[in-house]
Protein backbone atom coordinates (compact mmCIF):
# COMPACT_ATOMS: atom_id res chain seq x y z
CA MET A 1 -84.70 -57.57 -41.53
CA ASN A 2 -82.49 -56.72 -44.68
CA PHE A 3 -84.00 -53.37 -44.52
CA LEU A 4 -82.90 -52.93 -40.79
CA PHE A 5 -79.23 -53.82 -41.91
CA SER A 6 -79.36 -51.61 -44.85
CA TYR A 7 -80.45 -48.61 -42.51
CA ILE A 8 -77.84 -49.24 -39.90
CA LYS A 9 -75.30 -49.48 -42.65
CA GLN A 10 -76.16 -46.12 -44.03
CA GLY A 11 -76.15 -44.69 -40.79
CA THR A 12 -72.71 -45.91 -40.07
CA LYS A 13 -71.47 -43.97 -43.60
CA PHE A 14 -73.40 -41.05 -42.45
CA ALA A 15 -71.48 -41.04 -39.09
CA LEU A 16 -68.42 -41.63 -40.72
CA LEU A 17 -68.64 -38.79 -43.24
CA LEU A 18 -69.56 -36.53 -40.18
CA PHE A 19 -66.40 -37.56 -38.42
CA VAL A 20 -64.32 -36.49 -41.11
CA PHE A 21 -66.02 -33.24 -41.53
CA LEU A 22 -65.50 -32.48 -38.17
CA LEU A 23 -61.93 -33.27 -38.25
CA HIS A 24 -61.45 -31.07 -41.52
CA SER A 25 -63.35 -28.35 -39.53
CA ILE A 26 -60.84 -28.43 -36.72
CA ALA A 27 -57.77 -28.60 -38.93
CA LEU A 28 -59.05 -25.54 -40.98
CA ASN A 29 -59.49 -23.74 -37.47
CA ALA A 30 -56.24 -24.73 -36.15
CA ALA A 31 -54.62 -23.30 -39.22
CA ASN A 32 -56.40 -20.33 -39.12
CA THR A 33 -55.43 -19.65 -35.46
CA ASN A 34 -51.87 -19.99 -36.52
CA LYS A 35 -51.91 -16.89 -38.39
CA ILE A 36 -52.61 -13.30 -37.41
CA ASP A 37 -54.73 -10.49 -38.45
CA GLU A 38 -52.37 -7.58 -38.06
CA LEU A 39 -48.77 -7.07 -36.57
CA ARG A 40 -48.57 -3.61 -34.27
CA ILE A 41 -45.30 -2.24 -34.70
CA ALA A 42 -43.76 0.77 -32.48
CA PHE A 43 -40.61 2.69 -31.83
CA TRP A 44 -39.59 4.79 -29.03
CA ASN A 45 -36.61 6.51 -27.82
CA VAL A 46 -37.11 5.97 -24.26
CA GLU A 47 -34.64 8.69 -22.88
CA ASN A 48 -31.89 7.08 -20.87
CA LEU A 49 -33.33 3.94 -19.39
CA PHE A 50 -30.64 3.54 -16.98
CA ASP A 51 -30.84 1.32 -13.73
CA THR A 52 -28.69 2.62 -10.62
CA VAL A 53 -26.14 -0.02 -10.89
CA VAL A 54 -22.45 0.55 -12.07
CA ASN A 55 -21.53 -2.45 -13.95
CA GLY A 56 -17.56 -2.60 -13.18
CA PRO A 57 -15.22 -0.06 -14.41
CA SER A 58 -17.32 2.24 -16.60
CA LYS A 59 -16.59 3.54 -20.11
CA HIS A 60 -20.29 4.10 -20.65
CA LYS A 61 -20.94 6.64 -17.62
CA ASP A 62 -22.89 4.26 -15.76
CA GLU A 63 -22.01 6.28 -12.54
CA ASP A 64 -23.81 9.37 -13.94
CA PHE A 65 -27.02 7.20 -13.02
CA THR A 66 -26.46 6.65 -9.34
CA PRO A 67 -28.01 8.37 -6.11
CA SER A 68 -24.93 10.26 -5.60
CA SER A 69 -24.25 11.59 -9.21
CA TRP A 70 -25.30 15.03 -10.30
CA ARG A 71 -28.54 13.29 -11.93
CA ARG A 72 -29.58 12.21 -8.38
CA TRP A 73 -30.75 8.91 -10.03
CA THR A 74 -32.27 6.99 -7.27
CA PRO A 75 -33.90 3.50 -7.30
CA GLN A 76 -37.19 5.33 -6.85
CA ARG A 77 -36.85 7.39 -9.75
CA TYR A 78 -35.87 4.25 -11.77
CA SER A 79 -38.86 2.57 -10.71
CA GLN A 80 -41.26 5.58 -11.41
CA LYS A 81 -39.49 5.69 -14.93
CA LEU A 82 -40.24 1.84 -15.52
CA ASP A 83 -43.98 2.58 -14.34
CA HIS A 84 -44.33 5.50 -16.85
CA LEU A 85 -42.73 3.56 -19.81
CA ALA A 86 -45.18 0.54 -19.10
CA HIS A 87 -48.01 2.64 -18.98
CA VAL A 88 -47.35 3.95 -22.50
CA ILE A 89 -46.42 0.71 -23.87
CA ASN A 90 -49.47 -0.80 -22.57
CA ALA A 91 -51.61 1.96 -24.29
CA MET A 92 -49.79 1.19 -27.68
CA LYS A 93 -50.01 -2.68 -27.25
CA PRO A 94 -47.31 -3.10 -29.69
CA ASP A 95 -46.72 -6.80 -30.96
CA VAL A 96 -42.90 -5.57 -31.80
CA ILE A 97 -41.25 -2.34 -30.21
CA GLY A 98 -37.88 -1.14 -31.22
CA MET A 99 -36.23 0.93 -28.66
CA ALA A 100 -33.44 3.58 -28.33
CA GLU A 101 -31.30 4.79 -25.25
CA VAL A 102 -31.74 1.51 -23.40
CA GLU A 103 -28.56 0.92 -21.04
CA ASN A 104 -28.64 -3.05 -21.21
CA LEU A 105 -30.49 -6.14 -20.99
CA ASP A 106 -31.29 -5.83 -17.12
CA VAL A 107 -33.44 -2.70 -17.85
CA LEU A 108 -35.28 -4.44 -20.48
CA GLU A 109 -36.07 -7.37 -18.40
CA ASP A 110 -37.25 -5.02 -15.63
CA LEU A 111 -39.44 -3.28 -17.92
CA ASN A 112 -40.95 -6.66 -18.80
CA LYS A 113 -41.51 -7.40 -15.26
CA ARG A 114 -43.13 -4.03 -14.76
CA LEU A 115 -45.44 -4.74 -17.90
CA LYS A 116 -46.34 -8.23 -16.41
CA GLU A 117 -46.92 -7.09 -12.56
CA LYS A 118 -49.33 -3.94 -13.51
CA TYR A 119 -50.82 -4.96 -16.68
CA GLY A 120 -50.92 -8.78 -16.88
CA TRP A 121 -48.90 -9.15 -20.32
CA GLN A 122 -45.47 -8.71 -21.59
CA LEU A 123 -43.09 -8.90 -24.52
CA PRO A 124 -40.94 -11.77 -23.49
CA TYR A 125 -38.59 -11.97 -26.51
CA ILE A 126 -35.45 -9.32 -26.28
CA GLY A 127 -33.31 -8.59 -28.78
CA HIS A 128 -30.16 -6.56 -27.51
CA ILE A 129 -26.32 -6.47 -28.10
CA ASP A 130 -23.97 -3.99 -26.07
CA SER A 131 -22.66 -1.57 -28.53
CA SER A 132 -19.51 0.54 -28.08
CA ASP A 133 -21.42 3.81 -27.76
CA VAL A 134 -19.78 6.26 -25.28
CA ARG A 135 -22.90 7.25 -23.57
CA GLY A 136 -23.82 3.67 -23.02
CA ILE A 137 -26.94 3.54 -24.78
CA ASP A 138 -28.02 0.79 -27.13
CA GLN A 139 -30.92 -0.06 -29.46
CA ALA A 140 -32.95 -2.87 -28.43
CA VAL A 141 -36.28 -4.87 -29.59
CA MET A 142 -39.17 -6.41 -27.29
CA SER A 143 -41.33 -8.77 -29.11
CA LYS A 144 -44.54 -11.04 -28.33
CA TYR A 145 -42.83 -13.55 -30.92
CA PRO A 146 -39.97 -15.37 -30.98
CA ILE A 147 -36.53 -13.64 -32.16
CA LYS A 148 -34.74 -15.82 -34.45
CA SER A 149 -31.52 -13.82 -34.86
CA THR A 150 -29.95 -10.63 -33.44
CA HIS A 151 -26.79 -8.61 -35.15
CA LEU A 152 -25.40 -5.58 -34.70
CA VAL A 153 -23.78 -3.54 -37.66
CA ALA A 154 -20.90 -1.97 -35.96
CA HIS A 155 -19.70 0.54 -38.46
CA THR A 156 -17.88 3.15 -36.38
CA TYR A 157 -16.35 2.36 -33.02
CA GLY A 158 -17.85 4.63 -30.33
CA ARG A 159 -21.04 4.65 -32.15
CA ARG A 160 -24.14 2.45 -31.73
CA GLY A 161 -24.62 0.77 -35.10
CA SER A 162 -27.64 -0.54 -36.37
CA LEU A 163 -29.46 -3.46 -34.32
CA VAL A 164 -30.62 -6.29 -36.93
CA VAL A 165 -33.28 -8.44 -35.40
CA VAL A 166 -35.38 -11.08 -36.97
CA VAL A 167 -38.55 -12.09 -35.68
CA ASP A 168 -40.41 -15.19 -36.57
CA VAL A 169 -44.40 -14.39 -36.47
CA LYS A 170 -45.82 -17.67 -36.57
CA GLY A 171 -43.76 -18.86 -39.41
CA GLU A 172 -43.58 -15.64 -41.41
CA PRO A 173 -40.24 -13.84 -40.55
CA ILE A 174 -39.68 -10.02 -40.47
CA THR A 175 -36.57 -8.32 -40.15
CA PHE A 176 -36.00 -5.06 -37.88
CA MET A 177 -33.34 -2.77 -38.41
CA VAL A 178 -33.43 -0.19 -35.22
CA ASN A 179 -31.23 2.92 -35.60
CA HIS A 180 -30.12 5.70 -33.38
CA TRP A 181 -28.17 8.27 -35.45
CA LYS A 182 -25.71 10.84 -34.29
CA SER A 183 -27.47 13.82 -32.73
CA PRO A 184 -27.23 17.35 -34.14
CA ILE A 185 -25.33 18.47 -31.04
CA GLY A 186 -21.70 19.78 -31.76
CA ASN A 187 -20.23 20.66 -35.04
CA TYR A 188 -22.81 20.46 -37.81
CA LYS A 189 -20.27 19.23 -40.82
CA GLU A 190 -19.02 16.56 -38.58
CA ASN A 191 -22.43 15.54 -37.50
CA MET A 192 -23.85 15.60 -40.99
CA LYS A 193 -20.81 13.31 -42.19
CA THR A 194 -21.40 10.92 -39.39
CA ARG A 195 -25.03 10.59 -40.24
CA ALA A 196 -24.17 10.16 -43.83
CA GLY A 197 -22.00 7.09 -42.95
CA GLU A 198 -24.62 5.53 -40.53
CA ALA A 199 -27.07 5.88 -43.48
CA THR A 200 -24.70 4.58 -46.05
CA ALA A 201 -23.60 1.73 -43.77
CA LEU A 202 -27.36 0.80 -43.20
CA ARG A 203 -28.25 0.86 -46.94
CA GLU A 204 -25.56 -1.28 -47.72
CA GLU A 205 -26.57 -4.01 -45.16
CA LEU A 206 -30.01 -3.81 -46.61
CA ALA A 207 -28.61 -4.34 -50.15
CA LYS A 208 -26.47 -7.33 -48.95
CA ARG A 209 -29.78 -8.90 -47.38
CA TYR A 210 -32.12 -8.12 -50.15
CA LYS A 211 -29.63 -9.63 -52.67
CA ARG A 212 -29.91 -12.77 -50.81
CA ASP A 213 -33.89 -12.70 -50.47
CA LYS A 214 -35.63 -9.96 -52.48
CA ASP A 215 -39.01 -11.33 -50.86
CA MET A 216 -37.76 -10.53 -47.32
CA SER A 217 -40.05 -8.43 -45.28
CA PHE A 218 -37.98 -5.75 -43.47
CA VAL A 219 -38.86 -2.40 -41.33
CA ILE A 220 -36.26 0.27 -40.52
CA LEU A 221 -37.11 1.81 -37.21
CA GLY A 222 -35.29 4.81 -35.39
CA ASP A 223 -34.35 8.01 -34.00
CA PHE A 224 -32.53 9.57 -37.14
CA ASN A 225 -31.94 12.77 -35.56
CA GLU A 226 -33.02 14.13 -38.85
CA ASP A 227 -36.50 14.95 -40.41
CA CYS A 228 -38.00 12.63 -42.94
CA ASP A 229 -37.26 14.96 -45.58
CA ASP A 230 -33.34 16.00 -44.63
CA VAL A 231 -30.76 15.71 -46.67
CA THR A 232 -28.97 12.63 -45.26
CA MET A 233 -32.41 10.84 -45.36
CA LEU A 234 -33.25 11.56 -48.97
CA ASN A 235 -29.63 11.51 -50.41
CA SER A 236 -27.89 9.05 -48.42
CA LEU A 237 -30.38 6.48 -47.32
CA LYS A 238 -32.24 7.27 -50.55
CA VAL A 239 -35.89 7.53 -48.88
CA SER A 240 -38.61 8.66 -51.39
CA LYS A 241 -40.82 11.47 -50.79
CA THR A 242 -44.16 10.02 -52.00
CA ARG A 243 -45.52 6.54 -52.41
CA ASN A 244 -45.76 6.77 -55.94
CA GLN A 245 -42.13 7.87 -56.32
CA THR A 246 -41.25 4.89 -54.11
CA LEU A 247 -43.25 2.36 -56.24
CA LYS A 248 -41.73 3.93 -59.70
CA HIS A 249 -38.22 3.10 -59.03
CA THR A 250 -36.75 0.98 -61.89
CA ASP A 251 -32.88 1.41 -61.34
CA GLY A 252 -33.04 -1.98 -59.52
CA ASP A 253 -32.07 -0.51 -56.47
CA LEU A 254 -33.80 -0.71 -52.96
CA ALA A 255 -36.72 1.71 -52.85
CA LEU A 256 -37.71 2.99 -49.36
CA TYR A 257 -40.51 5.04 -48.21
CA HIS A 258 -40.56 7.06 -44.77
CA LEU A 259 -44.13 6.50 -43.47
CA ALA A 260 -44.20 9.98 -41.99
CA PHE A 261 -44.98 11.15 -45.46
CA ASP A 262 -48.39 9.91 -44.72
CA LEU A 263 -49.16 12.50 -42.15
CA PRO A 264 -49.69 16.04 -42.73
CA LYS A 265 -46.65 18.00 -42.08
CA ASN A 266 -47.96 19.46 -38.77
CA LYS A 267 -48.54 16.13 -37.23
CA ARG A 268 -45.13 14.46 -37.93
CA GLY A 269 -43.40 15.83 -34.86
CA THR A 270 -41.93 13.63 -32.31
CA TYR A 271 -39.19 15.86 -30.71
CA TYR A 272 -39.27 19.60 -29.83
CA TYR A 273 -36.48 21.80 -29.95
CA ALA A 274 -37.46 24.29 -27.33
CA ARG A 275 -34.82 26.78 -28.00
CA ARG A 276 -36.13 27.47 -31.59
CA SER A 277 -39.58 26.43 -30.99
CA VAL A 278 -39.36 23.75 -33.71
CA TRP A 279 -40.76 20.40 -34.11
CA ASN A 280 -38.90 17.50 -35.63
CA SER A 281 -39.90 14.55 -37.29
CA PHE A 282 -36.58 12.63 -35.81
CA ASP A 283 -38.43 9.44 -34.93
CA GLY A 284 -39.81 7.13 -37.74
CA ILE A 285 -40.65 3.99 -39.71
CA ILE A 286 -39.12 3.20 -42.93
CA VAL A 287 -40.56 0.23 -45.27
CA PRO A 288 -39.53 -0.87 -48.79
CA ALA A 289 -41.52 -0.29 -51.79
CA THR A 290 -42.56 -4.20 -51.34
CA LEU A 291 -44.52 -3.67 -48.07
CA LEU A 292 -46.42 -0.93 -49.64
CA GLY A 293 -50.28 -2.04 -50.32
CA GLU A 294 -50.21 -0.79 -53.86
CA ASN A 295 -47.40 -2.92 -54.78
CA THR A 296 -49.46 -5.90 -56.14
CA SER A 297 -46.40 -7.58 -57.88
CA SER A 298 -44.66 -7.98 -54.30
CA LYS A 299 -44.30 -11.54 -52.80
CA CYS A 300 -43.49 -10.30 -49.55
CA TYR A 301 -45.87 -11.67 -46.63
CA TRP A 302 -46.25 -8.42 -44.89
CA ARG A 303 -48.00 -5.05 -46.09
CA VAL A 304 -48.47 -1.80 -44.38
CA LYS A 305 -52.13 -2.03 -43.62
CA ASP A 306 -53.11 1.45 -45.27
CA ARG A 307 -52.31 5.12 -45.41
CA LYS A 308 -53.82 5.95 -42.09
CA SER A 309 -52.08 3.24 -40.25
CA TYR A 310 -48.92 5.44 -39.32
CA GLN A 311 -49.23 7.68 -36.24
CA VAL A 312 -47.39 9.81 -33.75
CA PHE A 313 -48.68 7.93 -30.22
CA VAL A 314 -49.47 10.58 -27.80
CA LEU A 315 -51.52 10.41 -24.53
CA PRO A 316 -52.64 13.78 -22.84
CA GLU A 317 -50.28 12.78 -19.89
CA MET A 318 -47.13 12.44 -22.16
CA LYS A 319 -47.40 16.40 -23.23
CA GLU A 320 -46.32 19.44 -21.47
CA PRO A 321 -48.76 22.11 -21.12
CA GLY A 322 -48.71 24.97 -23.36
CA ASP A 323 -46.66 23.90 -26.41
CA GLY A 324 -47.44 20.53 -25.96
CA ARG A 325 -43.77 19.00 -26.20
CA PRO A 326 -43.02 15.44 -24.83
CA ARG A 327 -42.67 15.48 -21.03
CA ALA A 328 -39.32 14.34 -20.22
CA PHE A 329 -38.03 12.45 -17.36
CA ARG A 330 -34.80 14.24 -16.24
CA ARG A 331 -33.30 16.37 -13.61
CA VAL A 332 -33.51 20.21 -14.77
CA ARG A 333 -32.45 23.63 -13.55
CA ILE A 334 -35.17 25.94 -13.91
CA LYS A 335 -35.44 29.47 -11.95
CA GLY A 336 -37.69 29.51 -9.02
CA LYS A 337 -37.36 25.53 -8.61
CA PRO A 338 -35.44 23.63 -5.99
CA ASN A 339 -31.79 22.51 -7.11
CA ASN A 340 -32.92 18.86 -7.10
CA TYR A 341 -36.16 19.47 -9.33
CA TYR A 342 -36.98 16.59 -11.40
CA GLU A 343 -39.30 16.71 -14.39
CA GLU A 344 -41.30 13.37 -13.89
CA GLY A 345 -42.67 12.56 -17.30
CA TYR A 346 -41.88 9.58 -19.81
CA SER A 347 -39.53 10.68 -22.41
CA ASP A 348 -38.40 13.72 -24.58
CA HIS A 349 -39.47 11.86 -27.56
CA PHE A 350 -42.99 10.75 -28.53
CA PRO A 351 -43.11 7.11 -29.90
CA VAL A 352 -44.43 6.07 -33.56
CA LEU A 353 -46.78 3.24 -34.42
CA THR A 354 -47.79 1.62 -37.60
CA ILE A 355 -49.94 -1.61 -38.14
CA LEU A 356 -48.61 -4.41 -40.78
CA VAL A 357 -51.38 -7.00 -42.20
CA PRO A 358 -50.75 -10.11 -44.18
CA ALA A 359 -50.94 -9.25 -48.06
CA THR A 360 -53.93 -11.21 -48.55
CA GLU A 361 -55.88 -8.91 -46.18
CA ILE A 362 -55.22 -5.92 -48.19
CA LYS A 363 -58.35 -4.94 -50.08
CA SER A 364 -58.39 -1.20 -50.98
CA GLU A 365 -56.17 1.72 -50.41
CA ALA A 366 -57.52 4.84 -48.55
CA SER A 367 -57.29 8.19 -50.28
CA PRO A 368 -53.77 9.28 -51.37
CA THR A 369 -52.14 12.02 -49.28
CA LYS A 370 -52.58 15.52 -50.39
CA GLY A 371 -50.79 16.28 -53.38
CA GLU A 372 -50.26 12.89 -54.41
CA LYS A 373 -52.18 11.15 -57.29
CA LYS A 374 -52.96 7.51 -56.47
């Protein structure tokens, strides 16, 4: 009888230990599912994403995007534009996407509805603030994860400023700064001066935030209307041309790296200037040295996955035959075509994409880019 009681007692202890073990395993699994393996980040200048509604007395040229305007912008064309944008975004599957040339919050919500209707998913959190831009175009962020804050650095009236959006990725915040600098159209010297001012204001905002938190993860996105190695990018924003150069900054200043430098020069093009048959790397993603995988001393949670993470994202249907330039969505005047002829493409810019991972996931770096020692 004593033997039987002892056996039952031992069995009870075993069952209790097994129960505790199972609870521990469940807790570990729950903790693991609360983290993510990678974060897909994209940027796209979506080329005049306007609806057909004039929102009151317009200083923002809303009336240009109506059926009776010279653009002949109809609800059907607007709907087709949403279809095309949703098609590409679905193919990219970004967790966070920064955009340029959006009219307002309404068009972003329409785009989300289209993603849901056609593909069964969406980017439900939107960061957007109306700017004073004379064309009525703004920057925005659409995110899979909640947005903690949205702020517009409006340094010049009549310009778009820099949109600063903090996204909370399951407890790990990351700051996105979305830009659309002055275009090259018009007076060269004045445009250069404006872009230099925009770059300086962006850098000052970064320095202010970096002073408060040197371990913050941040990413700069944008259509900068300058190539990655142009003068404003190098001298005003102070972007380094190699990863090594970025990592060797010792002046206590913010060190920035344009991920386009990870690509061969002939693979960086996002915009095609047809008159001169020139490809430009206007659109890009810029990160601090603290987000480069080689920086083992950084305390930032996020890192660029590897040197092959960055790409100009292009589907075959997004390219024009021949020169391969982006297929725009706009009314054009072409000899031999009807007066109301429309190019029914996607955008006059290609999007860019990169992948971030938790720092703990970085194991080894890919081979250095050509001409750079690791």
